[in-house]
């Protein structure tokens, strides 16, 4: 790890936290990912070799521990106290980014949206009670069509890279990923997404219910409203 050669705590902290992909890996770790595959799935575009390198750097820096799984092969990755306290830094960075940066097409990977939805923002009380499969179609950065599936059982969504094999109850085609990502962040309404980006076929009941399975849009809207109220009160 290169250093800035400065005693400044900002420089010292940046040496650890400002490496490419490190904030994303830490975000995933602090949101509950504790296996290599989970950390990798939450960082589309990050090679497994670079993920290995960054995890070892974080271990050397004292932000995580690497322990063998008690059963089976592989390791478990656990944040230390220093790693847990890094959440305040990441949250502040996110608040700043929310206020001062735009969501661009390069930021709108549907894979990342679906992973975030499943891993952090399942609105469990609105999920179907019976087993349900939703297929999503979207293009990757090389314009190739990609398929992923929500397999819902026991009111829990599992994101699958392969067809789970129970038949498709709802088919969702994402023509333009940007409105889909903007909706996930609470920047546009679902009606705008349907008009600009998404077509659905299958159960009409599931079509109406799908956006209610995601708690992220409302959560982001509420956080922005609270931040605006705080700013207005201090101006």
C-alpha atoms as a PDB file:
ATOM      1  CA  UNK A   1       0.000   0.000   0.000  1.00  0.00           C
ATOM      2  CA  UNK A   2       1.417   3.380  -1.016  1.00  0.00           C
ATOM      3  CA  UNK A   3       1.473   6.179   1.518  1.00  0.00           C
ATOM      4  CA  UNK A   4       1.155   9.944   1.112  1.00  0.00           C
ATOM      5  CA  UNK A   5       4.113  10.474   3.423  1.00  0.00           C
ATOM      6  CA  UNK A   6       2.054  12.857   5.567  1.00  0.00           C
ATOM      7  CA  UNK A   7       1.175  12.727   9.239  1.00  0.00           C
ATOM      8  CA  UNK A   8      -2.277  14.279   8.531  1.00  0.00           C
ATOM      9  CA  UNK A   9      -5.068  11.920   9.728  1.00  0.00           C
ATOM     10  CA  UNK A  10      -7.000  12.573   6.507  1.00  0.00           C
ATOM     11  CA  UNK A  11      -3.986  11.337   4.528  1.00  0.00           C
ATOM     12  CA  UNK A  12      -3.530   8.330   6.815  1.00  0.00           C
ATOM     13  CA  UNK A  13      -7.219   7.407   6.625  1.00  0.00           C
ATOM     14  CA  UNK A  14      -7.283   7.842   2.845  1.00  0.00           C
ATOM     15  CA  UNK A  15      -4.368   5.419   2.516  1.00  0.00           C
ATOM     16  CA  UNK A  16      -6.695   2.708   3.821  1.00  0.00           C
ATOM     17  CA  UNK A  17     -10.164   3.760   2.690  1.00  0.00           C
ATOM     18  CA  UNK A  18      -9.555   5.523  -0.626  1.00  0.00           C
ATOM     19  CA  UNK A  19      -8.148   2.555  -2.545  1.00  0.00           C
ATOM     20  CA  UNK A  20     -10.308   1.635  -5.542  1.00  0.00           C
ATOM     21  CA  UNK A  21     -13.074  -0.839  -4.561  1.00  0.00           C
ATOM     22  CA  UNK A  22     -12.198  -0.701  -0.847  1.00  0.00           C
ATOM     23  CA  UNK A  23     -15.241   1.430   0.145  1.00  0.00           C
ATOM     24  CA  UNK A  24     -17.550  -0.930  -1.787  1.00  0.00           C
ATOM     25  CA  UNK A  25     -16.046  -4.008  -0.142  1.00  0.00           C
ATOM     26  CA  UNK A  26     -16.359  -2.393   3.298  1.00  0.00           C
ATOM     27  CA  UNK A  27     -19.949  -1.349   2.562  1.00  0.00           C
ATOM     28  CA  UNK A  28     -20.862  -4.932   1.693  1.00  0.00           C
ATOM     29  CA  UNK A  29     -18.999  -6.305   4.713  1.00  0.00           C
ATOM     30  CA  UNK A  30     -20.774  -3.908   7.075  1.00  0.00           C
ATOM     31  CA  UNK A  31     -24.147  -4.739   5.523  1.00  0.00           C
ATOM     32  CA  UNK A  32     -23.765  -8.388   6.450  1.00  0.00           C
ATOM     33  CA  UNK A  33     -21.761 -10.064   3.668  1.00  0.00           C
ATOM     34  CA  UNK A  34     -19.302 -12.412   5.334  1.00  0.00           C
ATOM     35  CA  UNK A  35     -18.205 -14.843   2.599  1.00  0.00           C
ATOM     36  CA  UNK A  36     -16.035 -14.288  -0.442  1.00  0.00           C
ATOM     37  CA  UNK A  37     -18.883 -15.033  -2.866  1.00  0.00           C
ATOM     38  CA  UNK A  38     -21.271 -12.650  -1.108  1.00  0.00           C
ATOM     39  CA  UNK A  39     -18.686  -9.864  -1.180  1.00  0.00           C
ATOM     40  CA  UNK A  40     -17.996 -10.589  -4.849  1.00  0.00           C
ATOM     41  CA  UNK A  41     -21.681 -10.647  -5.814  1.00  0.00           C
ATOM     42  CA  UNK A  42     -22.126  -7.222  -4.233  1.00  0.00           C
ATOM     43  CA  UNK A  43     -19.347  -5.710  -6.345  1.00  0.00           C
ATOM     44  CA  UNK A  44     -20.099  -6.387 -10.034  1.00  0.00           C
ATOM     45  CA  UNK A  45     -17.015  -5.630 -12.103  1.00  0.00           C
ATOM     46  CA  UNK A  46     -14.517  -6.395  -9.339  1.00  0.00           C
ATOM     47  CA  UNK A  47     -12.219  -9.280 -10.265  1.00  0.00           C
ATOM     48  CA  UNK A  48     -11.819 -12.052  -7.747  1.00  0.00           C
ATOM     49  CA  UNK A  49      -8.039 -11.533  -7.782  1.00  0.00           C
ATOM     50  CA  UNK A  50      -8.370  -7.865  -6.836  1.00  0.00           C
ATOM     51  CA  UNK A  51     -11.000  -8.696  -4.206  1.00  0.00           C
ATOM     52  CA  UNK A  52      -8.544 -11.132  -2.620  1.00  0.00           C
ATOM     53  CA  UNK A  53      -5.847  -8.457  -2.614  1.00  0.00           C
ATOM     54  CA  UNK A  54      -8.109  -5.823  -1.058  1.00  0.00           C
ATOM     55  CA  UNK A  55      -9.347  -8.199   1.644  1.00  0.00           C
ATOM     56  CA  UNK A  56      -5.778  -8.994   2.648  1.00  0.00           C
ATOM     57  CA  UNK A  57      -4.970  -5.271   2.741  1.00  0.00           C
ATOM     58  CA  UNK A  58      -7.985  -4.633   4.975  1.00  0.00           C
ATOM     59  CA  UNK A  59      -6.879  -7.444   7.261  1.00  0.00           C
ATOM     60  CA  UNK A  60      -3.364  -5.984   7.510  1.00  0.00           C
ATOM     61  CA  UNK A  61      -4.872  -2.564   8.242  1.00  0.00           C
ATOM     62  CA  UNK A  62      -6.909  -4.028  11.102  1.00  0.00           C
ATOM     63  CA  UNK A  63     -10.366  -3.457   9.603  1.00  0.00           C
ATOM     64  CA  UNK A  64     -11.377  -7.090   9.300  1.00  0.00           C
ATOM     65  CA  UNK A  65     -10.435 -10.564  10.407  1.00  0.00           C
ATOM     66  CA  UNK A  66     -10.298 -13.621   8.154  1.00  0.00           C
ATOM     67  CA  UNK A  67     -11.331 -16.879   9.809  1.00  0.00           C
ATOM     68  CA  UNK A  68     -11.796 -20.373   8.381  1.00  0.00           C
ATOM     69  CA  UNK A  69     -15.390 -21.493   8.054  1.00  0.00           C
ATOM     70  CA  UNK A  70     -16.293 -23.881  10.877  1.00  0.00           C
ATOM     71  CA  UNK A  71     -17.748 -26.276   8.314  1.00  0.00           C
ATOM     72  CA  UNK A  72     -16.586 -26.693   4.740  1.00  0.00           C
ATOM     73  CA  UNK A  73     -14.009 -24.829   2.706  1.00  0.00           C
ATOM     74  CA  UNK A  74     -13.469 -21.099   2.517  1.00  0.00           C
ATOM     75  CA  UNK A  75     -13.225 -18.213   4.947  1.00  0.00           C
ATOM     76  CA  UNK A  76     -15.455 -15.863   6.892  1.00  0.00           C
ATOM     77  CA  UNK A  77     -14.736 -12.130   6.874  1.00  0.00           C
ATOM     78  CA  UNK A  78     -15.654 -10.179  10.016  1.00  0.00           C
ATOM     79  CA  UNK A  79     -15.306  -6.434  10.612  1.00  0.00           C
ATOM     80  CA  UNK A  80     -13.234  -5.350  13.601  1.00  0.00           C
ATOM     81  CA  UNK A  81     -14.089  -2.376  15.786  1.00  0.00           C
ATOM     82  CA  UNK A  82     -12.040  -0.189  13.437  1.00  0.00           C
ATOM     83  CA  UNK A  83     -13.960  -1.603  10.487  1.00  0.00           C
ATOM     84  CA  UNK A  84     -17.334  -1.021  12.129  1.00  0.00           C
ATOM     85  CA  UNK A  85     -16.425   2.583  12.928  1.00  0.00           C
ATOM     86  CA  UNK A  86     -15.615   3.127   9.242  1.00  0.00           C
ATOM     87  CA  UNK A  87     -19.385   3.040   8.614  1.00  0.00           C
ATOM     88  CA  UNK A  88     -19.662   6.657   9.750  1.00  0.00           C
ATOM     89  CA  UNK A  89     -17.147   7.622   7.065  1.00  0.00           C
ATOM     90  CA  UNK A  90     -18.987   5.662   4.369  1.00  0.00           C
ATOM     91  CA  UNK A  91     -22.353   7.082   5.436  1.00  0.00           C
ATOM     92  CA  UNK A  92     -20.993  10.640   5.279  1.00  0.00           C
ATOM     93  CA  UNK A  93     -19.559   9.933   1.823  1.00  0.00           C
ATOM     94  CA  UNK A  94     -22.945   8.598   0.721  1.00  0.00           C
ATOM     95  CA  UNK A  95     -24.751  11.673   2.048  1.00  0.00           C
ATOM     96  CA  UNK A  96     -22.354  13.931   0.171  1.00  0.00           C
ATOM     97  CA  UNK A  97     -22.667  11.853  -3.010  1.00  0.00           C
ATOM     98  CA  UNK A  98     -26.462  11.895  -2.763  1.00  0.00           C
ATOM     99  CA  UNK A  99     -26.446  15.670  -2.597  1.00  0.00           C
ATOM    100  CA  UNK A 100     -23.705  16.641  -5.027  1.00  0.00           C
ATOM    101  CA  UNK A 101     -23.396  13.897  -7.680  1.00  0.00           C
ATOM    102  CA  UNK A 102     -25.781  12.730 -10.383  1.00  0.00           C
ATOM    103  CA  UNK A 103     -26.850   9.196 -11.244  1.00  0.00           C
ATOM    104  CA  UNK A 104     -25.483   8.621 -14.750  1.00  0.00           C
ATOM    105  CA  UNK A 105     -26.021   5.722 -17.172  1.00  0.00           C
ATOM    106  CA  UNK A 106     -22.630   4.320 -16.178  1.00  0.00           C
ATOM    107  CA  UNK A 107     -23.939   3.985 -12.595  1.00  0.00           C
ATOM    108  CA  UNK A 108     -27.119   2.117 -13.548  1.00  0.00           C
ATOM    109  CA  UNK A 109     -26.133  -1.560 -13.569  1.00  0.00           C
ATOM    110  CA  UNK A 110     -29.388  -3.533 -13.009  1.00  0.00           C
ATOM    111  CA  UNK A 111     -27.325  -6.354 -11.497  1.00  0.00           C
ATOM    112  CA  UNK A 112     -26.218  -4.015  -8.700  1.00  0.00           C
ATOM    113  CA  UNK A 113     -29.787  -2.776  -8.184  1.00  0.00           C
ATOM    114  CA  UNK A 114     -31.193  -6.306  -7.931  1.00  0.00           C
ATOM    115  CA  UNK A 115     -28.420  -7.382  -5.564  1.00  0.00           C
ATOM    116  CA  UNK A 116     -28.964  -4.351  -3.323  1.00  0.00           C
ATOM    117  CA  UNK A 117     -32.729  -4.916  -3.362  1.00  0.00           C
ATOM    118  CA  UNK A 118     -32.375  -8.567  -2.333  1.00  0.00           C
ATOM    119  CA  UNK A 119     -29.578  -8.137   0.169  1.00  0.00           C
ATOM    120  CA  UNK A 120     -30.656  -4.971   1.983  1.00  0.00           C
ATOM    121  CA  UNK A 121     -34.130  -3.790   1.023  1.00  0.00           C
ATOM    122  CA  UNK A 122     -36.626  -6.644   0.970  1.00  0.00           C
ATOM    123  CA  UNK A 123     -39.985  -5.366   2.172  1.00  0.00           C
ATOM    124  CA  UNK A 124     -40.851  -8.719   3.705  1.00  0.00           C
ATOM    125  CA  UNK A 125     -44.401  -7.912   4.731  1.00  0.00           C
ATOM    126  CA  UNK A 126     -45.365  -7.291   1.078  1.00  0.00           C
ATOM    127  CA  UNK A 127     -43.712 -10.369  -0.426  1.00  0.00           C
ATOM    128  CA  UNK A 128     -45.864 -13.200  -1.808  1.00  0.00           C
ATOM    129  CA  UNK A 129     -46.652 -16.000   0.599  1.00  0.00           C
ATOM    130  CA  UNK A 130     -46.515 -18.752  -2.027  1.00  0.00           C
ATOM    131  CA  UNK A 131     -43.461 -19.564  -4.108  1.00  0.00           C
ATOM    132  CA  UNK A 132     -42.997 -17.015  -6.898  1.00  0.00           C
ATOM    133  CA  UNK A 133     -40.386 -16.648  -9.646  1.00  0.00           C
ATOM    134  CA  UNK A 134     -39.680 -13.364 -11.437  1.00  0.00           C
ATOM    135  CA  UNK A 135     -37.357 -13.247 -14.445  1.00  0.00           C
ATOM    136  CA  UNK A 136     -35.469 -10.020 -15.213  1.00  0.00           C
ATOM    137  CA  UNK A 137     -33.936  -9.369 -18.637  1.00  0.00           C
ATOM    138  CA  UNK A 138     -31.412  -6.543 -19.161  1.00  0.00           C
ATOM    139  CA  UNK A 139     -28.284  -5.765 -21.176  1.00  0.00           C
ATOM    140  CA  UNK A 140     -24.738  -5.807 -19.816  1.00  0.00           C
ATOM    141  CA  UNK A 141     -22.047  -3.266 -20.678  1.00  0.00           C
ATOM    142  CA  UNK A 142     -21.391  -5.136 -23.948  1.00  0.00           C
ATOM    143  CA  UNK A 143     -25.092  -4.893 -24.895  1.00  0.00           C
ATOM    144  CA  UNK A 144     -25.639  -8.644 -24.387  1.00  0.00           C
ATOM    145  CA  UNK A 145     -28.929  -9.737 -22.823  1.00  0.00           C
ATOM    146  CA  UNK A 146     -28.568 -11.062 -19.285  1.00  0.00           C
ATOM    147  CA  UNK A 147     -31.172 -13.031 -17.311  1.00  0.00           C
ATOM    148  CA  UNK A 148     -31.519 -13.102 -13.534  1.00  0.00           C
ATOM    149  CA  UNK A 149     -34.310 -14.383 -11.323  1.00  0.00           C
ATOM    150  CA  UNK A 150     -36.008 -13.581  -8.045  1.00  0.00           C
ATOM    151  CA  UNK A 151     -36.916 -16.871  -6.358  1.00  0.00           C
ATOM    152  CA  UNK A 152     -39.348 -15.998  -3.562  1.00  0.00           C
ATOM    153  CA  UNK A 153     -40.184 -18.602  -0.961  1.00  0.00           C
ATOM    154  CA  UNK A 154     -41.186 -18.222   2.707  1.00  0.00           C
ATOM    155  CA  UNK A 155     -41.413 -14.459   2.040  1.00  0.00           C
ATOM    156  CA  UNK A 156     -37.696 -14.225   1.263  1.00  0.00           C
ATOM    157  CA  UNK A 157     -36.137 -13.240  -2.075  1.00  0.00           C
ATOM    158  CA  UNK A 158     -33.123 -15.133  -3.376  1.00  0.00           C
ATOM    159  CA  UNK A 159     -31.339 -13.629  -6.381  1.00  0.00           C
ATOM    160  CA  UNK A 160     -30.469 -16.431  -8.817  1.00  0.00           C
ATOM    161  CA  UNK A 161     -28.049 -16.342 -11.754  1.00  0.00           C
ATOM    162  CA  UNK A 162     -29.699 -19.470 -13.190  1.00  0.00           C
ATOM    163  CA  UNK A 163     -33.356 -20.337 -13.732  1.00  0.00           C
ATOM    164  CA  UNK A 164     -34.552 -21.963 -10.472  1.00  0.00           C
ATOM    165  CA  UNK A 165     -36.775 -24.231 -12.544  1.00  0.00           C
ATOM    166  CA  UNK A 166     -40.244 -23.607 -11.083  1.00  0.00           C
ATOM    167  CA  UNK A 167     -41.766 -21.719 -14.005  1.00  0.00           C
ATOM    168  CA  UNK A 168     -41.943 -17.950 -14.503  1.00  0.00           C
ATOM    169  CA  UNK A 169     -44.776 -16.072 -12.788  1.00  0.00           C
ATOM    170  CA  UNK A 170     -43.672 -12.594 -13.889  1.00  0.00           C
ATOM    171  CA  UNK A 171     -41.321 -11.473 -16.669  1.00  0.00           C
ATOM    172  CA  UNK A 172     -39.634  -8.055 -16.346  1.00  0.00           C
ATOM    173  CA  UNK A 173     -37.693  -6.553 -19.260  1.00  0.00           C
ATOM    174  CA  UNK A 174     -35.480  -3.549 -18.483  1.00  0.00           C
ATOM    175  CA  UNK A 175     -34.844  -1.640 -21.709  1.00  0.00           C
ATOM    176  CA  UNK A 176     -33.158   1.383 -20.118  1.00  0.00           C
ATOM    177  CA  UNK A 177     -31.400   0.740 -16.789  1.00  0.00           C
ATOM    178  CA  UNK A 178     -31.118   4.395 -15.731  1.00  0.00           C
ATOM    179  CA  UNK A 179     -34.783   4.950 -14.692  1.00  0.00           C
ATOM    180  CA  UNK A 180     -34.708   1.595 -12.897  1.00  0.00           C
ATOM    181  CA  UNK A 181     -31.693   2.698 -10.823  1.00  0.00           C
ATOM    182  CA  UNK A 182     -33.248   6.138 -10.222  1.00  0.00           C
ATOM    183  CA  UNK A 183     -36.407   4.478  -8.899  1.00  0.00           C
ATOM    184  CA  UNK A 184     -34.377   2.291  -6.542  1.00  0.00           C
ATOM    185  CA  UNK A 185     -32.858   5.494  -5.126  1.00  0.00           C
ATOM    186  CA  UNK A 186     -36.252   7.144  -4.737  1.00  0.00           C
ATOM    187  CA  UNK A 187     -35.566   9.747  -7.434  1.00  0.00           C
ATOM    188  CA  UNK A 188     -38.460   8.857  -9.758  1.00  0.00           C
ATOM    189  CA  UNK A 189     -41.831   7.157  -9.367  1.00  0.00           C
ATOM    190  CA  UNK A 190     -42.492   3.600 -10.527  1.00  0.00           C
ATOM    191  CA  UNK A 191     -44.971   4.969 -13.072  1.00  0.00           C
ATOM    192  CA  UNK A 192     -42.088   6.838 -14.726  1.00  0.00           C
ATOM    193  CA  UNK A 193     -40.072   3.613 -14.889  1.00  0.00           C
ATOM    194  CA  UNK A 194     -42.940   1.800 -16.611  1.00  0.00           C
ATOM    195  CA  UNK A 195     -43.278   4.639 -19.096  1.00  0.00           C
ATOM    196  CA  UNK A 196     -39.561   4.968 -19.874  1.00  0.00           C
ATOM    197  CA  UNK A 197     -37.868   1.689 -19.174  1.00  0.00           C
ATOM    198  CA  UNK A 198     -39.665  -1.452 -18.002  1.00  0.00           C
ATOM    199  CA  UNK A 199     -42.205  -3.775 -19.590  1.00  0.00           C
ATOM    200  CA  UNK A 200     -43.811  -6.648 -17.690  1.00  0.00           C
ATOM    201  CA  UNK A 201     -45.775  -9.720 -18.693  1.00  0.00           C
ATOM    202  CA  UNK A 202     -47.456 -12.257 -16.463  1.00  0.00           C
ATOM    203  CA  UNK A 203     -49.711 -12.007 -13.425  1.00  0.00           C
ATOM    204  CA  UNK A 204     -51.332  -8.565 -13.215  1.00  0.00           C
ATOM    205  CA  UNK A 205     -51.450  -8.898  -9.430  1.00  0.00           C
ATOM    206  CA  UNK A 206     -47.679  -9.461  -9.318  1.00  0.00           C
ATOM    207  CA  UNK A 207     -47.099  -6.557 -11.719  1.00  0.00           C
ATOM    208  CA  UNK A 208     -48.867  -4.239  -9.293  1.00  0.00           C
ATOM    209  CA  UNK A 209     -47.133  -5.736  -6.264  1.00  0.00           C
ATOM    210  CA  UNK A 210     -43.532  -5.832  -7.555  1.00  0.00           C
ATOM    211  CA  UNK A 211     -42.485  -2.256  -6.621  1.00  0.00           C
ATOM    212  CA  UNK A 212     -43.902  -2.683  -3.105  1.00  0.00           C
ATOM    213  CA  UNK A 213     -41.360  -5.444  -2.416  1.00  0.00           C
ATOM    214  CA  UNK A 214     -38.546  -2.875  -2.354  1.00  0.00           C
ATOM    215  CA  UNK A 215     -38.174  -0.626   0.711  1.00  0.00           C
ATOM    216  CA  UNK A 216     -35.243   1.347  -0.715  1.00  0.00           C
ATOM    217  CA  UNK A 217     -37.116   4.057  -2.698  1.00  0.00           C
ATOM    218  CA  UNK A 218     -39.222   5.197   0.279  1.00  0.00           C
ATOM    219  CA  UNK A 219     -36.228   5.007   2.607  1.00  0.00           C
ATOM    220  CA  UNK A 220     -34.140   7.269   0.388  1.00  0.00           C
ATOM    221  CA  UNK A 221     -36.984   9.743  -0.064  1.00  0.00           C
ATOM    222  CA  UNK A 222     -37.471   9.986   3.709  1.00  0.00           C
ATOM    223  CA  UNK A 223     -33.730  10.493   4.317  1.00  0.00           C
ATOM    224  CA  UNK A 224     -33.587  13.255   1.728  1.00  0.00           C
ATOM    225  CA  UNK A 225     -36.629  14.975   3.232  1.00  0.00           C
ATOM    226  CA  UNK A 226     -35.087  14.821   6.721  1.00  0.00           C
ATOM    227  CA  UNK A 227     -31.786  16.195   5.408  1.00  0.00           C
ATOM    228  CA  UNK A 228     -33.567  19.072   3.692  1.00  0.00           C
ATOM    229  CA  UNK A 229     -35.495  19.881   6.854  1.00  0.00           C
ATOM    230  CA  UNK A 230     -32.276  19.898   8.877  1.00  0.00           C
ATOM    231  CA  UNK A 231     -30.568  22.171   6.365  1.00  0.00           C
ATOM    232  CA  UNK A 232     -33.527  24.553   6.269  1.00  0.00           C
ATOM    233  CA  UNK A 233     -33.546  24.756  10.070  1.00  0.00           C
ATOM    234  CA  UNK A 234     -29.858  25.705  10.183  1.00  0.00           C
ATOM    235  CA  UNK A 235     -29.924  28.236   7.328  1.00  0.00           C
END
